[in-house]
Amino acid sequence: MHMRTRLLTLALAVIVLPGCSLDNVNPPTTPTSAAVAVHVVQIGPVPATPAAFGQLQKDLGRTPQGAAAAMVAVMLACNQDEKLGMTCATMLLHPDNLRKGSLYDGQEPGQTYRDYLRGSAAKPFVARSYLLGATPANGYQPQQPLRVSWRPHAQPTPSVGRFRVLLLCSGADTPRPVTLRRDAAGLWKVDEASSLFVGVRPPAGP
């Protein structure tokens, strides 16, 4: 009797409803060391011209993490020359963040990102806080060549065609999220990066 009961239980345990398959059952996943590994993207010298940034974007924009790192290059360029930085931003930002203008291809950053970039340029150490080697203690002086550290977001794909990454920031306790969107040409554009412009710990005094 006990043997028949056990066999019936096992048979019920493997019944698959119509239209379903065991192959479609996704087991729960748990974070692994690879999921939180820190990676580095080299952005090289700060672009001095729109053409130089265009080459950087071509090199880095094929991946979402590369495009996110390129946004730091935009911030650094804006620290040195506002028009240059705004032009580079026009090239990198998703069209939803742009408006009609004369900086690049008949467009320019919308008011939100113009304000973000100007606010960051007023405190140039904010952009440098994303560079490897820069810390509040050393006045946010980065190592050369310029590199940005990133790691995957816990929810990297909020929707199809979008991707999130986290940029490490030495002036904050947590990394900063950036959302990217891929365009028709296969380049990733910055869709949302407001967290990059949030304040950081001030550099140590002399």
N, C-alpha and C. Protein backbone atom coordinates (compact mmCIF):
# COMPACT_ATOMS: atom_id res chain seq x y z
N MET A 1 0.83 -1.21 0.00
CA MET A 1 0.00 0.00 0.00
C MET A 1 0.86 1.25 0.00
N HIS A 2 1.85 1.27 0.86
CA HIS A 2 2.76 2.42 0.92
C HIS A 2 3.50 2.59 -0.40
N MET A 3 3.89 1.47 -1.03
CA MET A 3 4.63 1.53 -2.29
C MET A 3 3.76 2.16 -3.38
N ARG A 4 2.45 1.77 -3.45
CA ARG A 4 1.56 2.32 -4.46
C ARG A 4 1.35 3.82 -4.25
N THR A 5 1.29 4.25 -2.99
CA THR A 5 1.12 5.68 -2.69
C THR A 5 2.32 6.48 -3.15
N ARG A 6 3.51 5.95 -2.91
CA ARG A 6 4.74 6.64 -3.33
C ARG A 6 4.81 6.76 -4.84
N LEU A 7 4.44 5.68 -5.57
CA LEU A 7 4.48 5.72 -7.03
C LEU A 7 3.49 6.75 -7.57
N LEU A 8 2.30 6.83 -6.95
CA LEU A 8 1.30 7.80 -7.40
C LEU A 8 1.80 9.23 -7.17
N THR A 9 2.48 9.46 -6.05
CA THR A 9 3.03 10.79 -5.75
C THR A 9 4.08 11.20 -6.76
N LEU A 10 4.96 10.27 -7.12
CA LEU A 10 6.01 10.56 -8.10
C LEU A 10 5.40 10.86 -9.47
N ALA A 11 4.36 10.13 -9.83
CA ALA A 11 3.72 10.35 -11.13
C ALA A 11 3.10 11.73 -11.20
N LEU A 12 2.45 12.16 -10.13
CA LEU A 12 1.84 13.49 -10.08
C LEU A 12 2.89 14.58 -10.14
N ALA A 13 4.05 14.32 -9.59
CA ALA A 13 5.11 15.33 -9.51
C ALA A 13 5.67 15.70 -10.87
N VAL A 14 5.55 14.82 -11.87
CA VAL A 14 6.14 15.11 -13.18
C VAL A 14 5.09 15.43 -14.23
N ILE A 15 3.80 15.58 -13.83
CA ILE A 15 2.77 15.97 -14.79
C ILE A 15 3.06 17.37 -15.28
N VAL A 16 3.03 17.58 -16.59
CA VAL A 16 3.25 18.90 -17.20
C VAL A 16 1.95 19.33 -17.86
N LEU A 17 1.46 20.51 -17.53
CA LEU A 17 0.23 21.00 -18.10
C LEU A 17 0.38 21.21 -19.60
N PRO A 18 -0.70 21.10 -20.38
CA PRO A 18 -0.63 21.34 -21.83
C PRO A 18 -0.12 22.74 -22.11
N GLY A 19 0.75 22.85 -23.14
CA GLY A 19 1.29 24.15 -23.52
C GLY A 19 2.50 24.55 -22.72
N CYS A 20 2.88 23.79 -21.74
CA CYS A 20 4.05 24.12 -20.91
C CYS A 20 5.14 23.10 -21.18
N SER A 21 6.35 23.46 -20.81
CA SER A 21 7.45 22.53 -20.92
C SER A 21 8.43 22.78 -19.80
N LEU A 22 9.08 21.75 -19.39
CA LEU A 22 10.07 21.89 -18.31
C LEU A 22 11.20 22.79 -18.73
N ASP A 23 11.46 22.87 -20.05
CA ASP A 23 12.54 23.72 -20.54
C ASP A 23 12.24 25.20 -20.32
N ASN A 24 10.96 25.55 -20.18
CA ASN A 24 10.58 26.94 -20.02
C ASN A 24 10.54 27.39 -18.57
N VAL A 25 10.80 26.48 -17.66
CA VAL A 25 10.79 26.83 -16.25
C VAL A 25 12.16 27.41 -15.89
N ASN A 26 12.17 28.67 -15.50
CA ASN A 26 13.43 29.33 -15.17
C ASN A 26 13.68 29.27 -13.67
N PRO A 27 14.73 28.61 -13.24
CA PRO A 27 15.02 28.53 -11.82
C PRO A 27 15.43 29.90 -11.30
N PRO A 28 15.17 30.20 -10.05
CA PRO A 28 15.59 31.49 -9.49
C PRO A 28 17.09 31.63 -9.55
N THR A 29 17.53 32.84 -9.84
CA THR A 29 18.97 33.09 -9.91
C THR A 29 19.40 33.86 -8.70
N THR A 30 20.64 33.69 -8.33
CA THR A 30 21.22 34.42 -7.21
C THR A 30 22.44 35.17 -7.69
N PRO A 31 22.74 36.34 -7.09
CA PRO A 31 23.91 37.10 -7.52
C PRO A 31 25.18 36.28 -7.39
N THR A 32 26.06 36.45 -8.35
CA THR A 32 27.35 35.80 -8.32
C THR A 32 28.43 36.86 -8.30
N SER A 33 29.67 36.45 -8.08
CA SER A 33 30.77 37.40 -8.07
C SER A 33 30.90 38.08 -9.42
N ALA A 34 30.57 37.37 -10.51
CA ALA A 34 30.67 37.97 -11.83
C ALA A 34 29.65 39.10 -12.00
N ALA A 35 28.47 38.95 -11.33
CA ALA A 35 27.42 39.94 -11.48
C ALA A 35 27.78 41.27 -10.84
N VAL A 36 28.67 41.27 -9.87
CA VAL A 36 29.03 42.51 -9.19
C VAL A 36 30.49 42.88 -9.46
N ALA A 37 31.12 42.23 -10.43
CA ALA A 37 32.50 42.54 -10.75
C ALA A 37 32.62 43.97 -11.27
N VAL A 38 33.72 44.62 -10.94
CA VAL A 38 33.98 45.99 -11.39
C VAL A 38 34.82 45.93 -12.66
N HIS A 39 34.44 46.70 -13.66
CA HIS A 39 35.14 46.75 -14.93
C HIS A 39 35.62 48.17 -15.19
N VAL A 40 36.51 48.32 -16.15
CA VAL A 40 37.10 49.62 -16.44
C VAL A 40 36.99 49.92 -17.93
N VAL A 41 36.64 51.18 -18.25
CA VAL A 41 36.61 51.66 -19.62
C VAL A 41 37.59 52.82 -19.73
N GLN A 42 38.49 52.75 -20.68
CA GLN A 42 39.45 53.85 -20.89
C GLN A 42 38.85 54.87 -21.84
N ILE A 43 38.86 56.13 -21.41
CA ILE A 43 38.32 57.19 -22.27
C ILE A 43 39.42 58.06 -22.86
N GLY A 44 40.67 57.81 -22.44
CA GLY A 44 41.80 58.53 -23.03
C GLY A 44 41.81 59.99 -22.64
N PRO A 45 42.49 60.83 -23.41
CA PRO A 45 42.52 62.26 -23.11
C PRO A 45 41.15 62.90 -23.33
N VAL A 46 40.91 64.02 -22.67
CA VAL A 46 39.64 64.74 -22.84
C VAL A 46 39.56 65.23 -24.28
N PRO A 47 38.48 64.94 -24.99
CA PRO A 47 38.36 65.39 -26.39
C PRO A 47 38.51 66.91 -26.50
N ALA A 48 39.32 67.34 -27.45
CA ALA A 48 39.56 68.78 -27.62
C ALA A 48 38.73 69.36 -28.75
N THR A 49 38.10 68.51 -29.55
CA THR A 49 37.28 68.96 -30.68
C THR A 49 36.09 68.03 -30.82
N PRO A 50 35.03 68.48 -31.48
CA PRO A 50 33.90 67.59 -31.76
C PRO A 50 34.33 66.35 -32.56
N ALA A 51 35.28 66.53 -33.48
CA ALA A 51 35.75 65.38 -34.27
C ALA A 51 36.41 64.34 -33.38
N ALA A 52 37.20 64.82 -32.41
CA ALA A 52 37.86 63.89 -31.49
C ALA A 52 36.83 63.15 -30.65
N PHE A 53 35.79 63.85 -30.23
CA PHE A 53 34.74 63.17 -29.48
C PHE A 53 33.98 62.19 -30.37
N GLY A 54 33.77 62.57 -31.62
CA GLY A 54 33.10 61.67 -32.55
C GLY A 54 33.83 60.35 -32.68
N GLN A 55 35.16 60.40 -32.69
CA GLN A 55 35.94 59.17 -32.76
C GLN A 55 35.81 58.37 -31.48
N LEU A 56 35.82 59.09 -30.34
CA LEU A 56 35.65 58.42 -29.05
C LEU A 56 34.29 57.73 -28.99
N GLN A 57 33.27 58.43 -29.46
CA GLN A 57 31.93 57.84 -29.46
C GLN A 57 31.86 56.62 -30.37
N LYS A 58 32.52 56.70 -31.50
CA LYS A 58 32.55 55.55 -32.41
C LYS A 58 33.23 54.36 -31.76
N ASP A 59 34.29 54.62 -30.99
CA ASP A 59 35.04 53.55 -30.34
C ASP A 59 34.28 52.95 -29.16
N LEU A 60 33.62 53.81 -28.37
CA LEU A 60 33.00 53.36 -27.12
C LEU A 60 31.51 53.12 -27.23
N GLY A 61 30.86 53.76 -28.19
CA GLY A 61 29.41 53.73 -28.23
C GLY A 61 28.77 52.44 -28.67
N ARG A 62 29.57 51.44 -29.02
CA ARG A 62 29.02 50.15 -29.42
C ARG A 62 28.57 49.33 -28.21
N THR A 63 28.92 49.77 -27.01
CA THR A 63 28.47 49.09 -25.79
C THR A 63 27.84 50.12 -24.87
N PRO A 64 26.86 49.71 -24.06
CA PRO A 64 26.23 50.67 -23.14
C PRO A 64 27.21 51.22 -22.11
N GLN A 65 28.11 50.37 -21.61
CA GLN A 65 29.07 50.87 -20.63
C GLN A 65 30.04 51.88 -21.24
N GLY A 66 30.37 51.67 -22.52
CA GLY A 66 31.24 52.63 -23.20
C GLY A 66 30.56 53.97 -23.37
N ALA A 67 29.27 53.95 -23.74
CA ALA A 67 28.53 55.20 -23.89
C ALA A 67 28.37 55.91 -22.56
N ALA A 68 28.17 55.15 -21.48
CA ALA A 68 28.06 55.76 -20.16
C ALA A 68 29.37 56.44 -19.78
N ALA A 69 30.49 55.78 -20.06
CA ALA A 69 31.80 56.37 -19.78
C ALA A 69 32.03 57.61 -20.64
N ALA A 70 31.53 57.59 -21.87
CA ALA A 70 31.67 58.75 -22.75
C ALA A 70 30.96 59.97 -22.19
N MET A 71 29.92 59.75 -21.38
CA MET A 71 29.23 60.88 -20.76
C MET A 71 30.14 61.60 -19.78
N VAL A 72 31.02 60.86 -19.14
CA VAL A 72 32.01 61.49 -18.25
C VAL A 72 32.96 62.35 -19.09
N ALA A 73 33.34 61.86 -20.27
CA ALA A 73 34.18 62.65 -21.17
C ALA A 73 33.48 63.94 -21.58
N VAL A 74 32.16 63.87 -21.78
CA VAL A 74 31.39 65.08 -22.10
C VAL A 74 31.48 66.07 -20.95
N MET A 75 31.31 65.60 -19.74
CA MET A 75 31.38 66.47 -18.57
C MET A 75 32.76 67.11 -18.44
N LEU A 76 33.80 66.33 -18.69
CA LEU A 76 35.17 66.86 -18.62
C LEU A 76 35.41 67.91 -19.70
N ALA A 77 34.88 67.66 -20.90
CA ALA A 77 35.03 68.62 -21.99
C ALA A 77 34.31 69.93 -21.66
N CYS A 78 33.14 69.81 -21.04
CA CYS A 78 32.37 70.99 -20.68
C CYS A 78 33.09 71.80 -19.59
N ASN A 79 33.86 71.12 -18.75
CA ASN A 79 34.65 71.82 -17.74
C ASN A 79 35.66 72.76 -18.40
N GLN A 80 36.17 72.35 -19.55
CA GLN A 80 37.21 73.13 -20.23
C GLN A 80 36.64 74.15 -21.21
N ASP A 81 35.52 73.79 -21.87
CA ASP A 81 34.95 74.67 -22.89
C ASP A 81 33.46 74.34 -22.99
N GLU A 82 32.62 75.27 -22.59
CA GLU A 82 31.19 74.97 -22.53
C GLU A 82 30.62 74.61 -23.90
N LYS A 83 30.96 75.35 -24.93
CA LYS A 83 30.42 75.07 -26.25
C LYS A 83 30.85 73.69 -26.74
N LEU A 84 32.12 73.35 -26.51
CA LEU A 84 32.60 72.03 -26.89
C LEU A 84 31.82 70.95 -26.15
N GLY A 85 31.67 71.12 -24.83
CA GLY A 85 30.95 70.12 -24.04
C GLY A 85 29.52 69.97 -24.48
N MET A 86 28.85 71.09 -24.77
CA MET A 86 27.46 71.03 -25.21
C MET A 86 27.35 70.36 -26.58
N THR A 87 28.33 70.59 -27.44
CA THR A 87 28.33 69.94 -28.75
C THR A 87 28.51 68.44 -28.60
N CYS A 88 29.44 68.04 -27.76
CA CYS A 88 29.65 66.61 -27.52
C CYS A 88 28.41 65.97 -26.91
N ALA A 89 27.77 66.70 -25.99
CA ALA A 89 26.54 66.18 -25.37
C ALA A 89 25.46 65.97 -26.43
N THR A 90 25.37 66.87 -27.38
CA THR A 90 24.38 66.74 -28.45
C THR A 90 24.62 65.46 -29.24
N MET A 91 25.87 65.10 -29.42
CA MET A 91 26.21 63.89 -30.16
C MET A 91 25.88 62.63 -29.38
N LEU A 92 25.96 62.70 -28.05
CA LEU A 92 25.82 61.51 -27.22
C LEU A 92 24.43 61.29 -26.66
N LEU A 93 23.71 62.37 -26.39
CA LEU A 93 22.39 62.24 -25.77
C LEU A 93 21.37 61.64 -26.74
N HIS A 94 20.44 60.90 -26.18
CA HIS A 94 19.33 60.39 -26.99
C HIS A 94 18.50 61.58 -27.48
N PRO A 95 17.92 61.49 -28.68
CA PRO A 95 17.14 62.61 -29.22
C PRO A 95 16.05 63.15 -28.29
N ASP A 96 15.52 62.30 -27.41
CA ASP A 96 14.50 62.78 -26.47
C ASP A 96 15.03 63.86 -25.54
N ASN A 97 16.35 63.94 -25.41
CA ASN A 97 16.98 64.93 -24.52
C ASN A 97 17.48 66.16 -25.29
N LEU A 98 17.13 66.26 -26.56
CA LEU A 98 17.63 67.34 -27.40
C LEU A 98 16.50 68.27 -27.84
N ARG A 99 16.90 69.43 -28.35
CA ARG A 99 15.96 70.37 -28.94
C ARG A 99 16.62 70.96 -30.19
N LYS A 100 15.84 71.68 -30.98
CA LYS A 100 16.40 72.31 -32.16
C LYS A 100 17.45 73.34 -31.76
N GLY A 101 18.54 73.37 -32.52
CA GLY A 101 19.62 74.30 -32.22
C GLY A 101 20.66 74.29 -33.31
N SER A 102 21.79 74.90 -33.01
CA SER A 102 22.82 75.06 -34.04
C SER A 102 24.14 74.40 -33.69
N LEU A 103 24.17 73.61 -32.62
CA LEU A 103 25.44 73.04 -32.20
C LEU A 103 25.89 71.86 -33.06
N TYR A 104 24.97 70.95 -33.33
CA TYR A 104 25.36 69.75 -34.09
C TYR A 104 24.13 69.18 -34.80
N ASP A 105 24.21 69.10 -36.10
CA ASP A 105 23.15 68.49 -36.90
C ASP A 105 21.79 69.12 -36.60
N GLY A 106 21.78 70.43 -36.40
CA GLY A 106 20.52 71.14 -36.18
C GLY A 106 19.92 70.95 -34.82
N GLN A 107 20.73 70.47 -33.86
CA GLN A 107 20.20 70.21 -32.52
C GLN A 107 21.17 70.70 -31.44
N GLU A 108 20.70 70.68 -30.20
CA GLU A 108 21.50 71.01 -29.03
C GLU A 108 20.82 70.38 -27.81
N PRO A 109 21.53 70.28 -26.69
CA PRO A 109 20.89 69.69 -25.50
C PRO A 109 19.68 70.50 -25.06
N GLY A 110 18.67 69.79 -24.57
CA GLY A 110 17.52 70.47 -23.99
C GLY A 110 17.92 71.20 -22.72
N GLN A 111 17.01 72.00 -22.20
CA GLN A 111 17.35 72.84 -21.05
C GLN A 111 17.80 72.04 -19.84
N THR A 112 17.21 70.87 -19.64
CA THR A 112 17.57 70.06 -18.47
C THR A 112 19.04 69.72 -18.47
N TYR A 113 19.54 69.19 -19.59
CA TYR A 113 20.95 68.80 -19.63
C TYR A 113 21.88 70.00 -19.77
N ARG A 114 21.41 71.08 -20.33
CA ARG A 114 22.22 72.30 -20.33
C ARG A 114 22.46 72.75 -18.89
N ASP A 115 21.42 72.69 -18.08
CA ASP A 115 21.56 73.08 -16.68
C ASP A 115 22.45 72.10 -15.93
N TYR A 116 22.27 70.81 -16.20
CA TYR A 116 23.13 69.81 -15.55
C TYR A 116 24.60 70.08 -15.84
N LEU A 117 24.93 70.28 -17.10
CA LEU A 117 26.33 70.44 -17.51
C LEU A 117 26.92 71.73 -16.97
N ARG A 118 26.15 72.80 -16.96
CA ARG A 118 26.65 74.05 -16.42
C ARG A 118 26.87 73.96 -14.92
N GLY A 119 25.96 73.28 -14.24
CA GLY A 119 26.12 73.09 -12.80
C GLY A 119 27.34 72.26 -12.47
N SER A 120 27.59 71.22 -13.28
CA SER A 120 28.76 70.37 -13.06
C SER A 120 30.05 71.14 -13.34
N ALA A 121 30.04 71.96 -14.39
CA ALA A 121 31.24 72.73 -14.74
C ALA A 121 31.61 73.73 -13.65
N ALA A 122 30.60 74.18 -12.90
CA ALA A 122 30.88 75.11 -11.79
C ALA A 122 31.63 74.41 -10.66
N LYS A 123 31.54 73.07 -10.62
CA LYS A 123 32.28 72.26 -9.65
C LYS A 123 32.99 71.16 -10.44
N PRO A 124 34.10 71.47 -11.08
CA PRO A 124 34.73 70.51 -12.01
C PRO A 124 35.17 69.20 -11.38
N PHE A 125 35.29 69.18 -10.06
CA PHE A 125 35.70 67.92 -9.42
C PHE A 125 34.59 66.87 -9.46
N VAL A 126 33.34 67.29 -9.74
CA VAL A 126 32.26 66.31 -9.84
C VAL A 126 32.55 65.34 -10.98
N ALA A 127 32.90 65.85 -12.14
CA ALA A 127 33.22 64.98 -13.28
C ALA A 127 34.44 64.11 -12.98
N ARG A 128 35.44 64.68 -12.32
CA ARG A 128 36.66 63.91 -12.04
C ARG A 128 36.44 62.81 -11.01
N SER A 129 35.35 62.90 -10.24
CA SER A 129 35.10 61.89 -9.21
C SER A 129 34.80 60.52 -9.80
N TYR A 130 34.53 60.46 -11.10
CA TYR A 130 34.26 59.18 -11.76
C TYR A 130 35.52 58.55 -12.36
N LEU A 131 36.64 59.23 -12.25
CA LEU A 131 37.87 58.74 -12.87
C LEU A 131 38.69 57.92 -11.88
N LEU A 132 39.30 56.89 -12.40
CA LEU A 132 40.10 56.00 -11.58
C LEU A 132 41.26 56.77 -10.94
N GLY A 133 41.43 56.58 -9.65
CA GLY A 133 42.53 57.21 -8.93
C GLY A 133 42.18 58.53 -8.28
N ALA A 134 41.08 59.15 -8.72
CA ALA A 134 40.68 60.44 -8.15
C ALA A 134 39.90 60.21 -6.86
N THR A 135 40.29 60.92 -5.81
CA THR A 135 39.62 60.80 -4.52
C THR A 135 39.50 62.19 -3.89
N PRO A 136 38.60 62.35 -2.92
CA PRO A 136 38.54 63.64 -2.22
C PRO A 136 39.87 64.01 -1.58
N ALA A 137 40.58 63.00 -1.07
CA ALA A 137 41.84 63.26 -0.36
C ALA A 137 42.92 63.83 -1.27
N ASN A 138 42.93 63.43 -2.56
CA ASN A 138 43.98 63.94 -3.45
C ASN A 138 43.47 65.05 -4.38
N GLY A 139 42.32 65.65 -3.98
CA GLY A 139 41.78 66.72 -4.79
C GLY A 139 41.17 66.25 -6.09
N TYR A 140 40.80 64.97 -6.13
CA TYR A 140 40.22 64.36 -7.33
C TYR A 140 41.16 64.46 -8.53
N GLN A 141 42.42 64.12 -8.28
CA GLN A 141 43.40 64.07 -9.36
C GLN A 141 43.45 62.63 -9.88
N PRO A 142 43.07 62.40 -11.12
CA PRO A 142 42.97 61.02 -11.63
C PRO A 142 44.31 60.47 -12.10
N GLN A 143 44.32 59.17 -12.23
CA GLN A 143 45.45 58.49 -12.85
C GLN A 143 45.35 58.64 -14.37
N GLN A 144 46.47 58.49 -15.02
CA GLN A 144 46.52 58.51 -16.48
C GLN A 144 46.83 57.10 -16.99
N PRO A 145 46.27 56.70 -18.10
CA PRO A 145 45.24 57.38 -18.89
C PRO A 145 43.91 57.41 -18.16
N LEU A 146 43.03 58.30 -18.58
CA LEU A 146 41.76 58.47 -17.91
C LEU A 146 40.88 57.24 -18.11
N ARG A 147 40.38 56.72 -16.99
CA ARG A 147 39.56 55.51 -17.03
C ARG A 147 38.37 55.67 -16.09
N VAL A 148 37.28 55.02 -16.44
CA VAL A 148 36.05 55.04 -15.66
C VAL A 148 35.72 53.62 -15.23
N SER A 149 35.37 53.44 -13.96
CA SER A 149 35.00 52.13 -13.45
C SER A 149 33.49 51.97 -13.46
N TRP A 150 33.03 50.79 -13.81
CA TRP A 150 31.59 50.54 -13.85
C TRP A 150 31.30 49.11 -13.44
N ARG A 151 30.07 48.87 -13.09
CA ARG A 151 29.60 47.50 -12.85
C ARG A 151 28.15 47.39 -13.31
N PRO A 152 27.68 46.18 -13.57
CA PRO A 152 26.31 46.01 -14.06
C PRO A 152 25.29 46.44 -13.01
N HIS A 153 24.18 46.92 -13.49
CA HIS A 153 23.05 47.26 -12.63
C HIS A 153 22.32 45.97 -12.26
N ALA A 154 21.71 45.93 -11.08
CA ALA A 154 20.97 44.74 -10.66
C ALA A 154 19.80 44.45 -11.58
N GLN A 155 19.24 45.51 -12.22
CA GLN A 155 18.17 45.36 -13.20
C GLN A 155 18.63 46.05 -14.47
N PRO A 156 19.49 45.39 -15.26
CA PRO A 156 20.14 46.06 -16.38
C PRO A 156 19.24 46.40 -17.55
N THR A 157 18.10 45.75 -17.70
CA THR A 157 17.27 45.98 -18.89
C THR A 157 15.87 46.41 -18.49
N PRO A 158 15.63 47.70 -18.25
CA PRO A 158 14.28 48.14 -17.89
C PRO A 158 13.27 47.93 -19.00
N SER A 159 13.71 47.90 -20.26
CA SER A 159 12.83 47.61 -21.38
C SER A 159 13.69 47.26 -22.59
N VAL A 160 13.05 46.77 -23.63
CA VAL A 160 13.78 46.37 -24.83
C VAL A 160 14.51 47.57 -25.42
N GLY A 161 15.78 47.37 -25.77
CA GLY A 161 16.55 48.44 -26.38
C GLY A 161 17.17 49.41 -25.39
N ARG A 162 16.99 49.15 -24.10
CA ARG A 162 17.58 50.00 -23.08
C ARG A 162 18.47 49.16 -22.17
N PHE A 163 19.41 49.84 -21.52
CA PHE A 163 20.33 49.12 -20.64
C PHE A 163 20.81 50.08 -19.56
N ARG A 164 20.97 49.56 -18.36
CA ARG A 164 21.47 50.37 -17.25
C ARG A 164 22.85 49.87 -16.81
N VAL A 165 23.73 50.82 -16.49
CA VAL A 165 25.00 50.49 -15.87
C VAL A 165 25.20 51.42 -14.68
N LEU A 166 26.11 51.04 -13.81
CA LEU A 166 26.44 51.85 -12.65
C LEU A 166 27.88 52.33 -12.77
N LEU A 167 28.09 53.64 -12.67
CA LEU A 167 29.43 54.20 -12.67
C LEU A 167 29.88 54.44 -11.24
N LEU A 168 31.08 53.96 -10.92
CA LEU A 168 31.60 54.15 -9.58
C LEU A 168 32.04 55.59 -9.39
N CYS A 169 31.80 56.11 -8.20
CA CYS A 169 32.09 57.51 -7.88
C CYS A 169 32.80 57.56 -6.54
N SER A 170 34.02 58.08 -6.53
CA SER A 170 34.80 58.11 -5.29
C SER A 170 34.28 59.15 -4.31
N GLY A 171 33.42 60.05 -4.79
CA GLY A 171 32.89 61.08 -3.91
C GLY A 171 31.53 60.77 -3.35
N ALA A 172 31.05 59.54 -3.56
CA ALA A 172 29.74 59.13 -3.06
C ALA A 172 29.81 57.73 -2.49
N ASP A 173 28.84 57.38 -1.68
CA ASP A 173 28.83 56.06 -1.05
C ASP A 173 28.28 54.97 -1.96
N THR A 174 27.56 55.35 -2.99
CA THR A 174 26.98 54.38 -3.89
C THR A 174 27.27 54.78 -5.33
N PRO A 175 27.33 53.81 -6.25
CA PRO A 175 27.56 54.13 -7.67
C PRO A 175 26.35 54.82 -8.27
N ARG A 176 26.57 55.46 -9.40
CA ARG A 176 25.54 56.27 -10.03
C ARG A 176 24.99 55.57 -11.28
N PRO A 177 23.67 55.40 -11.37
CA PRO A 177 23.09 54.70 -12.53
C PRO A 177 22.99 55.59 -13.76
N VAL A 178 23.19 54.98 -14.92
CA VAL A 178 23.01 55.63 -16.21
C VAL A 178 22.19 54.69 -17.08
N THR A 179 21.17 55.23 -17.74
CA THR A 179 20.35 54.43 -18.64
C THR A 179 20.67 54.80 -20.08
N LEU A 180 20.93 53.80 -20.89
CA LEU A 180 21.30 53.99 -22.30
C LEU A 180 20.21 53.43 -23.20
N ARG A 181 20.13 54.00 -24.40
CA ARG A 181 19.19 53.50 -25.41
C ARG A 181 19.93 53.38 -26.73
N ARG A 182 19.74 52.27 -27.42
CA ARG A 182 20.45 52.02 -28.68
C ARG A 182 19.67 52.61 -29.85
N ASP A 183 20.39 53.31 -30.74
CA ASP A 183 19.73 53.91 -31.90
C ASP A 183 19.75 52.96 -33.10
N ALA A 184 19.20 53.40 -34.20
CA ALA A 184 19.07 52.55 -35.38
C ALA A 184 20.41 52.16 -35.97
N ALA A 185 21.45 52.98 -35.71
CA ALA A 185 22.78 52.68 -36.24
C ALA A 185 23.58 51.75 -35.33
N GLY A 186 22.99 51.37 -34.21
CA GLY A 186 23.68 50.46 -33.29
C GLY A 186 24.50 51.15 -32.23
N LEU A 187 24.46 52.49 -32.17
CA LEU A 187 25.19 53.22 -31.14
C LEU A 187 24.29 53.42 -29.93
N TRP A 188 24.89 53.30 -28.74
CA TRP A 188 24.15 53.54 -27.51
C TRP A 188 24.20 55.03 -27.19
N LYS A 189 23.03 55.59 -26.87
CA LYS A 189 22.90 56.99 -26.53
C LYS A 189 22.45 57.12 -25.07
N VAL A 190 22.82 58.23 -24.45
CA VAL A 190 22.47 58.44 -23.05
C VAL A 190 21.01 58.88 -22.96
N ASP A 191 20.23 58.06 -22.29
CA ASP A 191 18.80 58.33 -22.12
C ASP A 191 18.54 59.05 -20.80
N GLU A 192 19.21 58.62 -19.74
CA GLU A 192 19.00 59.22 -18.42
C GLU A 192 20.30 59.14 -17.62
N ALA A 193 20.81 60.30 -17.22
CA ALA A 193 22.08 60.32 -16.49
C ALA A 193 22.09 61.41 -15.43
N SER A 194 20.92 61.75 -14.92
CA SER A 194 20.84 62.85 -13.95
C SER A 194 21.67 62.60 -12.70
N SER A 195 21.82 61.32 -12.32
CA SER A 195 22.56 61.01 -11.09
C SER A 195 24.04 61.39 -11.19
N LEU A 196 24.58 61.46 -12.42
CA LEU A 196 25.99 61.82 -12.57
C LEU A 196 26.26 63.24 -12.13
N PHE A 197 25.24 64.06 -12.07
CA PHE A 197 25.43 65.48 -11.77
C PHE A 197 25.11 65.82 -10.31
N VAL A 198 24.74 64.81 -9.54
CA VAL A 198 24.48 65.02 -8.12
C VAL A 198 25.81 65.35 -7.42
N GLY A 199 25.74 66.17 -6.41
CA GLY A 199 26.96 66.58 -5.72
C GLY A 199 27.74 65.43 -5.10
N VAL A 200 29.02 65.67 -4.89
CA VAL A 200 29.91 64.68 -4.28
C VAL A 200 30.63 65.34 -3.11
N ARG A 201 31.35 64.53 -2.35
CA ARG A 201 32.12 65.09 -1.24
C ARG A 201 33.14 66.08 -1.79
N PRO A 202 33.31 67.22 -1.15
CA PRO A 202 34.26 68.22 -1.67
C PRO A 202 35.70 67.73 -1.54
N PRO A 203 36.58 68.20 -2.40
CA PRO A 203 37.99 67.81 -2.29
C PRO A 203 38.59 68.36 -1.01
N ALA A 204 39.60 67.66 -0.54
CA ALA A 204 40.30 68.11 0.66
C ALA A 204 40.99 69.45 0.40
N GLY A 205 41.02 70.28 1.41
CA GLY A 205 41.67 71.58 1.27
C GLY A 205 43.17 71.46 1.20
N PRO A 206 43.86 72.57 0.83
CA PRO A 206 45.33 72.52 0.73
C PRO A 206 45.98 72.29 2.08
